[in-house]
Amino acid sequence: MFNSRAYWNKRLKEKWGLHGVGNYSLGRNYNFWLYKLQKAVLYRQIKPLFSDRSKKEVLDIGSGTGYFVQFWRSLKVKSIMATDISDYAVMQIKKKFPDVHSFQMDISKELPKTILKKKYHFISAVAVLFHINNDKMYLKALKNLYKLLQPGGYLFFSENFLHHGPLHGGYQVNRTLSVIKRLVIKAGFQIKSRVPLFILMNYPVDLKSNIIKKGWQKLTWPVRKFHFLGALAGAILYPLDLLLTRWIKEGPSTELMVCKKPGYLKKTGK
C-alpha cells in the first residue's frame, strides 16, 4: 500500500522548494510562475468574499513549503493554521513562520481532537486532494474539511476534474468531474464555482487529443532539459494565462473549485 507520509517526507527532503511540491520535472524557475498564477486565480475567487479580513481565521491543508501560508499572511488575516502530511514540511514551516500555528496531519484520516476544537472561515487545499489515491479516504477528507469549517465558511481546492477517465498514477489520482461533484455534495458542501487555474502553462490532462498532449510535451522539453529556461518560459506564458483564465470558463488542466458550508458565518467581535 502506498505510504503518502513516507513519500512526501522523502521527496521534500530531496527536493525542498516549489519544484518539490509542484512539477519537479519543470524545475524551480518554471514552478515559480505556476504557483504565482495559482495564487492570482485564488485571490480572484477570495476577494469578493473577503470583507473584514482581519477577523478571518484560515486553515491551509498540504502547506508544503508554505507558499499559500505566505499568501494568507500577506492578506493580514487574524490567524492561520498550516498543516501537512509530511513531518519534514511542518518542521520547515515552523522555522520559516514562527508566528503561524502548524500541525502534522493527514486530512484523509481521523482528525486529532485538538484540531477539532476550532472552526475556520476559509480553508485552502491547493494541489492536495488528488494525492489521495483511495475514494473512501477522499470522501473522508471532504467530510473532515466540512467539519473544520464554520457554517457559511468556504473551501477552496484544486483538482483536474476530468471529463473522461479517471487516471491513476501512483501518488496521484485524477478523478472525473462527476465523481468529485458527487463526493463534494455527499460531504455536505454547496458548489459555488469552478474556474481554470491554467490554460497554457500546465499539461492539458483533461483533453482527449493525444496530439495536443504530445505537442505540449515537446514544447516544454527545453524547460525540462534546461531548468534555467523556465524563468523565460514562465515570464512569457504567465501574463497570457492570467488573461485567459479570466475569459475561458472550462480549462484543459487543473481547476479551482469553491465550495460553501451551508449557513451563515458568525459575527466576530473586535
Protein backbone atom coordinates (compact mmCIF):
# COMPACT_ATOMS: atom_id res chain seq x y z
CA MET A 1 0.00 0.00 0.00
CA PHE A 2 1.27 3.47 -0.94
CA ASN A 3 2.62 5.35 2.09
CA SER A 4 1.88 9.05 1.43
CA ARG A 5 3.61 10.31 4.57
CA ALA A 6 6.86 8.50 3.82
CA TYR A 7 6.73 9.51 0.15
CA TRP A 8 6.35 13.23 0.88
CA ASN A 9 8.94 13.20 3.65
CA LYS A 10 11.46 11.66 1.27
CA ARG A 11 10.55 13.84 -1.70
CA LEU A 12 10.64 17.12 0.21
CA LYS A 13 13.94 16.30 1.93
CA GLU A 14 15.47 15.68 -1.50
CA LYS A 15 13.72 18.50 -3.40
CA TRP A 16 12.83 21.26 -0.98
CA GLY A 17 11.20 24.08 -2.93
CA LEU A 18 8.27 24.73 -5.25
CA HIS A 19 9.64 22.14 -7.70
CA GLY A 20 9.35 19.58 -4.88
CA VAL A 21 5.70 20.28 -4.13
CA GLY A 22 4.85 21.06 -7.75
CA ASN A 23 6.03 19.59 -11.07
CA TYR A 24 9.68 18.88 -10.30
CA SER A 25 10.47 17.85 -13.90
CA LEU A 26 9.98 21.51 -14.89
CA GLY A 27 12.38 22.89 -12.28
CA ARG A 28 12.28 25.71 -9.73
CA ASN A 29 12.06 28.61 -12.16
CA TYR A 30 9.01 27.43 -14.08
CA ASN A 31 7.26 26.31 -10.89
CA PHE A 32 7.69 29.85 -9.54
CA TRP A 33 5.40 31.07 -12.33
CA LEU A 34 2.99 28.14 -11.97
CA TYR A 35 2.47 28.99 -8.31
CA LYS A 36 2.24 32.71 -9.00
CA LEU A 37 -0.64 32.04 -11.39
CA GLN A 38 -2.42 29.76 -8.92
CA LYS A 39 -2.13 32.48 -6.28
CA ALA A 40 -3.58 35.10 -8.63
CA VAL A 41 -6.58 32.95 -9.56
CA LEU A 42 -7.19 32.01 -5.93
CA TYR A 43 -7.15 35.67 -4.94
CA ARG A 44 -9.74 36.47 -7.62
CA GLN A 45 -12.11 33.97 -6.04
CA ILE A 46 -11.41 35.06 -2.47
CA LYS A 47 -11.61 38.81 -2.99
CA PRO A 48 -15.44 39.13 -3.29
CA LEU A 49 -15.88 37.04 -0.10
CA PHE A 50 -13.20 38.75 1.90
CA SER A 51 -14.68 41.65 3.80
CA ASP A 52 -13.24 42.31 7.26
CA ARG A 53 -10.21 40.10 6.60
CA SER A 54 -8.56 40.99 9.92
CA LYS A 55 -11.14 38.80 11.67
CA LYS A 56 -10.90 35.77 9.40
CA GLU A 57 -9.29 32.52 10.57
CA VAL A 58 -7.76 30.29 7.91
CA LEU A 59 -6.72 26.64 7.66
CA ASP A 60 -4.26 25.65 4.93
CA ILE A 61 -4.13 21.95 4.03
CA GLY A 62 -0.99 20.48 2.48
CA SER A 63 1.05 23.58 3.18
CA GLY A 64 4.29 22.09 1.81
CA THR A 65 6.90 24.84 1.59
CA GLY A 66 4.43 27.37 2.99
CA TYR A 67 3.67 29.19 -0.27
CA PHE A 68 -0.02 29.66 0.50
CA VAL A 69 0.71 30.27 4.15
CA GLN A 70 2.66 33.32 2.99
CA PHE A 71 -0.24 34.24 0.69
CA TRP A 72 -2.71 34.26 3.60
CA ARG A 73 -0.24 36.19 5.77
CA SER A 74 0.02 38.85 3.08
CA LEU A 75 -3.76 39.31 3.33
CA LYS A 76 -3.38 40.03 7.06
CA VAL A 77 -5.94 37.52 8.28
CA LYS A 78 -6.49 37.06 12.00
CA SER A 79 -4.84 33.62 12.23
CA ILE A 80 -3.52 30.78 10.08
CA MET A 81 -3.19 27.08 10.83
CA ALA A 82 -0.73 25.33 8.48
CA THR A 83 -0.91 21.56 8.10
CA ASP A 84 0.86 18.91 6.08
CA ILE A 85 1.12 15.13 5.95
CA SER A 86 4.93 15.50 5.94
CA ASP A 87 6.69 15.93 9.29
CA TYR A 88 9.60 17.47 7.43
CA ALA A 89 7.38 20.13 5.81
CA VAL A 90 5.82 21.04 9.17
CA MET A 91 9.26 21.33 10.75
CA GLN A 92 10.39 23.71 7.97
CA ILE A 93 7.21 25.78 8.19
CA LYS A 94 7.72 26.21 11.94
CA LYS A 95 11.19 27.60 11.23
CA LYS A 96 10.04 29.85 8.41
CA PHE A 97 6.83 31.11 10.07
CA PRO A 98 7.29 31.02 13.84
CA ASP A 99 4.16 33.15 14.26
CA VAL A 100 1.96 30.61 12.41
CA HIS A 101 0.44 27.58 14.10
CA SER A 102 1.49 24.40 12.26
CA PHE A 103 0.40 20.83 12.69
CA GLN A 104 1.22 17.45 11.11
CA MET A 105 -1.89 15.60 9.99
CA ASP A 106 -3.41 13.51 7.23
CA ILE A 107 -6.70 15.14 6.20
CA SER A 108 -7.97 11.81 4.83
CA LYS A 109 -7.85 10.09 8.24
CA GLU A 110 -9.49 10.55 11.62
CA LEU A 111 -8.79 14.06 12.85
CA PRO A 112 -6.98 14.70 16.15
CA LYS A 113 -9.31 16.12 18.80
CA THR A 114 -7.03 19.11 19.25
CA ILE A 115 -7.72 20.42 15.75
CA LEU A 116 -11.47 19.83 16.01
CA LYS A 117 -11.73 22.39 18.80
CA LYS A 118 -11.63 25.24 16.28
CA LYS A 119 -13.67 26.11 13.18
CA TYR A 120 -12.34 28.21 10.30
CA HIS A 121 -13.79 30.85 7.98
CA PHE A 122 -11.70 29.71 5.00
CA ILE A 123 -9.85 26.50 4.11
CA SER A 124 -7.41 26.21 1.21
CA ALA A 125 -6.21 22.91 -0.23
CA VAL A 126 -4.26 23.68 -3.40
CA ALA A 127 -2.83 20.69 -5.31
CA VAL A 128 -3.56 18.33 -2.41
CA LEU A 129 -6.66 16.19 -2.76
CA PHE A 130 -5.65 14.41 -5.98
CA HIS A 131 -2.81 12.86 -3.99
CA ILE A 132 -5.40 10.83 -2.01
CA ASN A 133 -5.47 7.62 -4.03
CA ASN A 134 -8.46 5.95 -2.36
CA ASP A 135 -12.04 7.16 -2.96
CA LYS A 136 -13.23 6.34 0.56
CA MET A 137 -10.35 8.33 2.02
CA TYR A 138 -11.08 11.13 -0.44
CA LEU A 139 -14.65 11.35 0.86
CA LYS A 140 -13.30 11.19 4.43
CA ALA A 141 -11.05 14.17 3.63
CA LEU A 142 -14.01 16.17 2.31
CA LYS A 143 -16.07 15.33 5.39
CA ASN A 144 -13.17 16.39 7.61
CA LEU A 145 -12.90 19.68 5.75
CA TYR A 146 -16.63 20.19 6.24
CA LYS A 147 -16.25 19.61 9.99
CA LEU A 148 -13.43 22.14 10.20
CA LEU A 149 -15.36 24.96 8.54
CA GLN A 150 -17.69 27.34 10.26
CA PRO A 151 -21.25 27.41 8.89
CA GLY A 152 -21.10 29.77 5.95
CA GLY A 153 -17.36 29.15 5.53
CA TYR A 154 -15.61 28.47 2.22
CA LEU A 155 -13.36 25.71 0.93
CA PHE A 156 -11.01 26.44 -1.99
CA PHE A 157 -9.41 23.36 -3.55
CA SER A 158 -7.81 22.44 -6.85
CA GLU A 159 -8.30 19.28 -8.89
CA ASN A 160 -8.11 18.15 -12.51
CA PHE A 161 -11.88 17.49 -12.75
CA LEU A 162 -11.58 15.20 -15.76
CA HIS A 163 -14.41 14.90 -18.27
CA HIS A 164 -13.08 11.43 -19.12
CA GLY A 165 -11.11 8.95 -17.08
CA PRO A 166 -10.24 8.57 -14.24
CA LEU A 167 -6.46 8.35 -14.48
CA HIS A 168 -4.45 6.57 -11.79
CA GLY A 169 -0.73 7.19 -11.40
CA GLY A 170 0.91 6.05 -8.15
CA TYR A 171 0.91 9.04 -5.85
CA GLN A 172 -1.85 10.86 -7.80
CA VAL A 173 -5.39 10.03 -8.96
CA ASN A 174 -7.15 12.29 -11.44
CA ARG A 175 -10.86 11.79 -10.80
CA THR A 176 -13.72 12.79 -13.05
CA LEU A 177 -15.73 15.95 -12.52
CA SER A 178 -18.90 13.91 -11.97
CA VAL A 179 -17.28 11.78 -9.23
CA ILE A 180 -15.79 14.78 -7.43
CA LYS A 181 -19.07 16.73 -7.57
CA ARG A 182 -20.93 13.73 -6.15
CA LEU A 183 -18.48 13.33 -3.27
CA VAL A 184 -18.37 17.07 -2.52
CA ILE A 185 -22.17 17.21 -2.29
CA LYS A 186 -22.25 13.97 -0.27
CA ALA A 187 -19.88 15.59 2.24
CA GLY A 188 -22.44 18.39 2.68
CA PHE A 189 -20.97 21.23 0.59
CA GLN A 190 -22.64 23.57 -1.84
CA ILE A 191 -20.60 24.09 -5.02
CA LYS A 192 -20.34 27.80 -5.77
CA SER A 193 -17.92 27.96 -8.71
CA ARG A 194 -15.20 26.19 -10.69
CA VAL A 195 -12.57 28.11 -12.66
CA PRO A 196 -9.39 27.17 -14.56
CA LEU A 197 -6.04 27.67 -12.86
CA PHE A 198 -4.10 27.14 -16.10
CA ILE A 199 -4.79 27.25 -19.82
CA LEU A 200 -1.36 27.07 -21.48
CA MET A 201 1.11 26.64 -18.64
CA ASN A 202 0.25 23.15 -17.39
CA TYR A 203 -0.05 19.73 -19.04
CA PRO A 204 -3.53 19.52 -20.68
CA VAL A 205 -4.58 16.37 -18.84
CA ASP A 206 -8.29 16.98 -19.45
CA LEU A 207 -8.02 16.96 -23.24
CA LYS A 208 -8.63 13.79 -25.22
CA SER A 209 -6.31 14.80 -28.03
CA ASN A 210 -3.00 12.95 -27.78
CA ILE A 211 -1.62 15.23 -30.48
CA ILE A 212 -2.07 18.31 -28.28
CA LYS A 213 -0.68 16.48 -25.25
CA LYS A 214 2.39 15.32 -27.15
CA GLY A 215 2.77 18.82 -28.60
CA TRP A 216 2.76 20.34 -25.11
CA GLN A 217 5.41 17.83 -24.00
CA LYS A 218 7.61 18.69 -26.99
CA LEU A 219 7.23 22.44 -26.47
CA THR A 220 8.18 22.17 -22.80
CA TRP A 221 11.04 19.71 -23.40
CA PRO A 222 13.68 22.51 -23.37
CA VAL A 223 12.44 23.62 -19.95
CA ARG A 224 12.61 20.09 -18.58
CA LYS A 225 16.08 19.63 -20.07
CA PHE A 226 17.46 23.06 -19.11
CA HIS A 227 15.65 24.28 -16.00
CA PHE A 228 17.04 27.82 -16.25
CA LEU A 229 14.82 28.31 -19.33
CA GLY A 230 11.79 28.03 -17.05
CA ALA A 231 12.27 31.64 -15.95
CA LEU A 232 11.86 32.88 -19.54
CA ALA A 233 9.07 30.47 -20.50
CA GLY A 234 7.12 31.29 -17.33
CA ALA A 235 7.55 35.05 -17.79
CA ILE A 236 6.14 34.79 -21.33
CA LEU A 237 3.24 32.44 -20.56
CA TYR A 238 2.16 33.86 -17.20
CA PRO A 239 0.55 37.10 -18.49
CA LEU A 240 -1.21 35.14 -21.24
CA ASP A 241 -2.67 32.64 -18.80
CA LEU A 242 -3.57 35.40 -16.38
CA LEU A 243 -5.84 36.85 -19.10
CA LEU A 244 -7.07 33.53 -20.48
CA THR A 245 -8.13 32.25 -17.05
CA ARG A 246 -10.43 35.28 -16.82
CA TRP A 247 -12.10 34.61 -20.17
CA ILE A 248 -12.17 30.82 -20.53
CA LYS A 249 -14.64 29.00 -18.30
CA GLU A 250 -13.57 25.39 -18.91
CA GLY A 251 -9.87 24.70 -18.70
CA PRO A 252 -7.79 21.82 -20.15
CA SER A 253 -5.86 21.32 -16.92
CA THR A 254 -6.12 21.91 -13.17
CA GLU A 255 -9.07 23.98 -11.93
CA LEU A 256 -10.10 25.60 -8.67
CA MET A 257 -13.43 24.75 -7.05
CA VAL A 258 -15.07 26.99 -4.46
CA CYS A 259 -17.46 25.28 -2.03
CA LYS A 260 -19.53 26.63 0.82
CA LYS A 261 -20.69 25.04 4.04
CA PRO A 262 -24.39 25.92 4.34
CA GLY A 263 -25.27 28.51 6.96
CA TYR A 264 -24.04 31.94 7.95
CA LEU A 265 -20.71 32.94 9.40
CA LYS A 266 -20.85 34.04 13.00
CA LYS A 267 -20.13 37.68 13.58
CA THR A 268 -16.73 38.06 15.17
CA GLY A 269 -16.06 40.58 17.92
CA LYS A 270 -13.40 43.21 17.94
